[in-house]
Amino acid sequence: MRFHTRKWVKPEDLNPNGTLFGGRLLAWIDEEAALYGVIQLENKHIVTKYMSEINFNSSAITGDIIEIGIEVVKFGKTSLVLNCEVRNKMTQTTIITVDNIVLVNLDEHGKPSPHGKTEIEYVKDRLGNN
């Protein structure tokens, strides 16, 4: 799994218990998954269709640095299925896992559209070695 994004947990990210608010974390995950999908499918019109069971393993507090990891589970005809792990950067403790996040590739009319991708591509490889 590749960890792409880091977030610094701040007081405004906390719930009344003084730990990271789950809704904030899910918003970060959804954004990270969407960004990953846009880059992989080369289309800015991506939507989240589904998130599977979400498993909170531990929490984070103010000052913690967390990192969000995403990996591809499979490429569908119009979809991309990812899984996610969020962990504490310093301790490597898993905070949350999401087994399946399904993103759907849309056309200019907002309808599911085949993306033609079958494997992970890296932007550096698309640019060539000039």
C-alpha atoms as a PDB file:
ATOM      1  CA  MET A   1       0.000   0.000   0.000  1.00  0.00           C
ATOM      2  CA  ARG A   2       1.253   3.455  -0.864  1.00  0.00           C
ATOM      3  CA  PHE A   3       0.656   6.282   1.574  1.00  0.00           C
ATOM      4  CA  HIS A   4       0.119   9.468  -0.387  1.00  0.00           C
ATOM      5  CA  THR A   5      -1.250  12.092   1.971  1.00  0.00           C
ATOM      6  CA  ARG A   6      -0.476  13.245   5.468  1.00  0.00           C
ATOM      7  CA  LYS A   7      -2.752  15.238   7.723  1.00  0.00           C
ATOM      8  CA  TRP A   8      -1.945  16.974  10.964  1.00  0.00           C
ATOM      9  CA  VAL A   9      -4.738  16.506  13.507  1.00  0.00           C
ATOM     10  CA  LYS A  10      -5.768  19.919  14.846  1.00  0.00           C
ATOM     11  CA  PRO A  11      -8.228  20.958  17.576  1.00  0.00           C
ATOM     12  CA  GLU A  12     -10.946  21.709  14.984  1.00  0.00           C
ATOM     13  CA  ASP A  13     -10.752  18.054  13.825  1.00  0.00           C
ATOM     14  CA  LEU A  14     -11.756  16.632  17.223  1.00  0.00           C
ATOM     15  CA  ASN A  15     -15.020  15.268  18.566  1.00  0.00           C
ATOM     16  CA  PRO A  16     -16.323  16.018  22.100  1.00  0.00           C
ATOM     17  CA  ASN A  17     -14.158  13.151  23.421  1.00  0.00           C
ATOM     18  CA  GLY A  18     -10.985  14.956  22.335  1.00  0.00           C
ATOM     19  CA  THR A  19     -10.157  12.442  19.590  1.00  0.00           C
ATOM     20  CA  LEU A  20     -10.273  12.703  15.814  1.00  0.00           C
ATOM     21  CA  PHE A  21     -13.880  13.017  14.611  1.00  0.00           C
ATOM     22  CA  GLY A  22     -14.755  10.032  12.412  1.00  0.00           C
ATOM     23  CA  GLY A  23     -16.684  12.201   9.959  1.00  0.00           C
ATOM     24  CA  ARG A  24     -13.646  14.381   9.366  1.00  0.00           C
ATOM     25  CA  LEU A  25     -11.498  11.312   8.763  1.00  0.00           C
ATOM     26  CA  LEU A  26     -14.046   9.848   6.329  1.00  0.00           C
ATOM     27  CA  ALA A  27     -14.123  13.146   4.413  1.00  0.00           C
ATOM     28  CA  TRP A  28     -10.317  13.027   4.122  1.00  0.00           C
ATOM     29  CA  ILE A  29     -10.496   9.414   2.912  1.00  0.00           C
ATOM     30  CA  ASP A  30     -13.207  10.221   0.352  1.00  0.00           C
ATOM     31  CA  GLU A  31     -11.172  13.144  -0.976  1.00  0.00           C
ATOM     32  CA  GLU A  32      -7.987  11.059  -1.178  1.00  0.00           C
ATOM     33  CA  ALA A  33      -9.813   8.241  -2.976  1.00  0.00           C
ATOM     34  CA  ALA A  34     -11.345  10.699  -5.451  1.00  0.00           C
ATOM     35  CA  LEU A  35      -7.971  12.313  -6.162  1.00  0.00           C
ATOM     36  CA  TYR A  36      -6.436   8.891  -6.677  1.00  0.00           C
ATOM     37  CA  GLY A  37      -9.271   7.947  -9.050  1.00  0.00           C
ATOM     38  CA  VAL A  38      -8.981  11.168 -11.051  1.00  0.00           C
ATOM     39  CA  ILE A  39      -5.262  10.590 -11.553  1.00  0.00           C
ATOM     40  CA  GLN A  40      -5.597   6.878 -12.398  1.00  0.00           C
ATOM     41  CA  LEU A  41      -8.561   7.266 -14.746  1.00  0.00           C
ATOM     42  CA  GLU A  42      -7.421  10.609 -16.184  1.00  0.00           C
ATOM     43  CA  ASN A  43     -10.889  12.071 -15.735  1.00  0.00           C
ATOM     44  CA  LYS A  44     -11.968  14.723 -13.238  1.00  0.00           C
ATOM     45  CA  HIS A  45     -15.551  13.428 -13.331  1.00  0.00           C
ATOM     46  CA  ILE A  46     -15.392  10.693 -10.691  1.00  0.00           C
ATOM     47  CA  VAL A  47     -17.941   9.932  -7.983  1.00  0.00           C
ATOM     48  CA  THR A  48     -17.883   7.710  -4.922  1.00  0.00           C
ATOM     49  CA  LYS A  49     -20.575   5.054  -5.309  1.00  0.00           C
ATOM     50  CA  TYR A  50     -19.896   2.874  -2.293  1.00  0.00           C
ATOM     51  CA  MET A  51     -17.810   2.488   0.827  1.00  0.00           C
ATOM     52  CA  SER A  52     -17.776  -0.907   2.506  1.00  0.00           C
ATOM     53  CA  GLU A  53     -17.581  -1.590   6.206  1.00  0.00           C
ATOM     54  CA  ILE A  54     -15.421   0.933   7.987  1.00  0.00           C
ATOM     55  CA  ASN A  55     -13.324  -0.424  10.838  1.00  0.00           C
ATOM     56  CA  PHE A  56     -12.074   2.038  13.443  1.00  0.00           C
ATOM     57  CA  ASN A  57      -9.102   0.407  15.178  1.00  0.00           C
ATOM     58  CA  SER A  58      -7.683   3.299  17.199  1.00  0.00           C
ATOM     59  CA  SER A  59      -7.986   7.045  17.438  1.00  0.00           C
ATOM     60  CA  ALA A  60      -5.835  10.104  16.952  1.00  0.00           C
ATOM     61  CA  ILE A  61      -5.463  13.225  19.068  1.00  0.00           C
ATOM     62  CA  THR A  62      -4.318  16.796  18.535  1.00  0.00           C
ATOM     63  CA  GLY A  63      -0.798  16.920  17.187  1.00  0.00           C
ATOM     64  CA  ASP A  64      -0.820  13.445  15.666  1.00  0.00           C
ATOM     65  CA  ILE A  65       0.263  13.165  12.056  1.00  0.00           C
ATOM     66  CA  ILE A  66      -1.761  10.628  10.151  1.00  0.00           C
ATOM     67  CA  GLU A  67      -1.187   9.225   6.690  1.00  0.00           C
ATOM     68  CA  ILE A  68      -3.730   7.906   4.231  1.00  0.00           C
ATOM     69  CA  GLY A  69      -2.881   4.837   2.168  1.00  0.00           C
ATOM     70  CA  ILE A  70      -4.753   3.776  -0.937  1.00  0.00           C
ATOM     71  CA  GLU A  71      -4.346   0.747  -3.170  1.00  0.00           C
ATOM     72  CA  VAL A  72      -6.255  -0.617  -6.133  1.00  0.00           C
ATOM     73  CA  VAL A  73      -8.308  -3.759  -5.548  1.00  0.00           C
ATOM     74  CA  LYS A  74      -9.569  -3.983  -9.136  1.00  0.00           C
ATOM     75  CA  PHE A  75     -10.450  -2.110 -12.292  1.00  0.00           C
ATOM     76  CA  GLY A  76     -14.045  -2.530 -13.443  1.00  0.00           C
ATOM     77  CA  LYS A  77     -15.471  -1.422 -16.777  1.00  0.00           C
ATOM     78  CA  THR A  78     -16.649   1.957 -15.458  1.00  0.00           C
ATOM     79  CA  SER A  79     -15.374   1.663 -11.900  1.00  0.00           C
ATOM     80  CA  LEU A  80     -12.238   1.568  -9.812  1.00  0.00           C
ATOM     81  CA  VAL A  81     -12.254  -0.318  -6.513  1.00  0.00           C
ATOM     82  CA  LEU A  82      -9.792   0.801  -3.839  1.00  0.00           C
ATOM     83  CA  ASN A  83      -9.007  -0.075  -0.269  1.00  0.00           C
ATOM     84  CA  CYS A  84      -7.683   2.273   2.333  1.00  0.00           C
ATOM     85  CA  GLU A  85      -5.717   2.282   5.545  1.00  0.00           C
ATOM     86  CA  VAL A  86      -5.112   5.322   7.709  1.00  0.00           C
ATOM     87  CA  ARG A  87      -2.333   5.103  10.253  1.00  0.00           C
ATOM     88  CA  ASN A  88      -0.442   7.228  12.708  1.00  0.00           C
ATOM     89  CA  LYS A  89       2.712   8.304  10.887  1.00  0.00           C
ATOM     90  CA  MET A  90       4.954   8.169  13.943  1.00  0.00           C
ATOM     91  CA  THR A  91       3.738   4.969  15.620  1.00  0.00           C
ATOM     92  CA  GLN A  92       2.487   3.128  12.491  1.00  0.00           C
ATOM     93  CA  THR A  93      -0.677   2.230  14.453  1.00  0.00           C
ATOM     94  CA  THR A  94      -3.663   1.630  12.175  1.00  0.00           C
ATOM     95  CA  ILE A  95      -6.479   4.072  12.869  1.00  0.00           C
ATOM     96  CA  ILE A  96      -9.053   2.936  10.303  1.00  0.00           C
ATOM     97  CA  THR A  97      -9.433   0.523   7.397  1.00  0.00           C
ATOM     98  CA  VAL A  98     -11.928   0.552   4.542  1.00  0.00           C
ATOM     99  CA  ASP A  99     -11.934  -2.634   2.472  1.00  0.00           C
ATOM    100  CA  ASN A 100     -13.727  -1.324  -0.618  1.00  0.00           C
ATOM    101  CA  ILE A 101     -14.273   2.140  -1.982  1.00  0.00           C
ATOM    102  CA  VAL A 102     -15.986   2.048  -5.373  1.00  0.00           C
ATOM    103  CA  LEU A 103     -15.458   5.037  -7.629  1.00  0.00           C
ATOM    104  CA  VAL A 104     -17.346   5.442 -10.897  1.00  0.00           C
ATOM    105  CA  ASN A 105     -15.988   7.139 -14.006  1.00  0.00           C
ATOM    106  CA  LEU A 106     -18.528   9.564 -15.538  1.00  0.00           C
ATOM    107  CA  ASP A 107     -18.893  11.083 -18.976  1.00  0.00           C
ATOM    108  CA  GLU A 108     -19.664  14.764 -19.657  1.00  0.00           C
ATOM    109  CA  HIS A 109     -23.383  14.066 -19.044  1.00  0.00           C
ATOM    110  CA  GLY A 110     -22.814  12.511 -15.618  1.00  0.00           C
ATOM    111  CA  LYS A 111     -23.440   8.942 -16.779  1.00  0.00           C
ATOM    112  CA  PRO A 112     -21.145   5.975 -16.023  1.00  0.00           C
ATOM    113  CA  SER A 113     -18.590   5.673 -18.786  1.00  0.00           C
ATOM    114  CA  PRO A 114     -15.989   2.994 -19.610  1.00  0.00           C
ATOM    115  CA  HIS A 115     -12.521   4.198 -18.654  1.00  0.00           C
ATOM    116  CA  GLY A 116     -10.437   1.639 -20.562  1.00  0.00           C
ATOM    117  CA  LYS A 117      -7.893   1.190 -17.756  1.00  0.00           C
ATOM    118  CA  THR A 118      -6.726  -2.216 -16.579  1.00  0.00           C
ATOM    119  CA  GLU A 119      -3.673  -1.511 -14.442  1.00  0.00           C
ATOM    120  CA  ILE A 120      -2.102   1.131 -12.250  1.00  0.00           C
ATOM    121  CA  GLU A 121      -0.320   3.889 -14.131  1.00  0.00           C
ATOM    122  CA  TYR A 122       2.031   6.462 -12.704  1.00  0.00           C
ATOM    123  CA  VAL A 123       2.019  10.029 -13.985  1.00  0.00           C
ATOM    124  CA  LYS A 124       5.792   9.951 -14.484  1.00  0.00           C
ATOM    125  CA  ASP A 125       5.346   7.041 -16.902  1.00  0.00           C
ATOM    126  CA  ARG A 126       2.672   8.915 -18.888  1.00  0.00           C
ATOM    127  CA  LEU A 127       5.001  11.881 -19.345  1.00  0.00           C
ATOM    128  CA  GLY A 128       7.758   9.774 -20.905  1.00  0.00           C
ATOM    129  CA  ASN A 129      11.459  10.041 -20.214  1.00  0.00           C
ATOM    130  CA  ASN A 130      12.396  13.209 -22.089  1.00  0.00           C
END
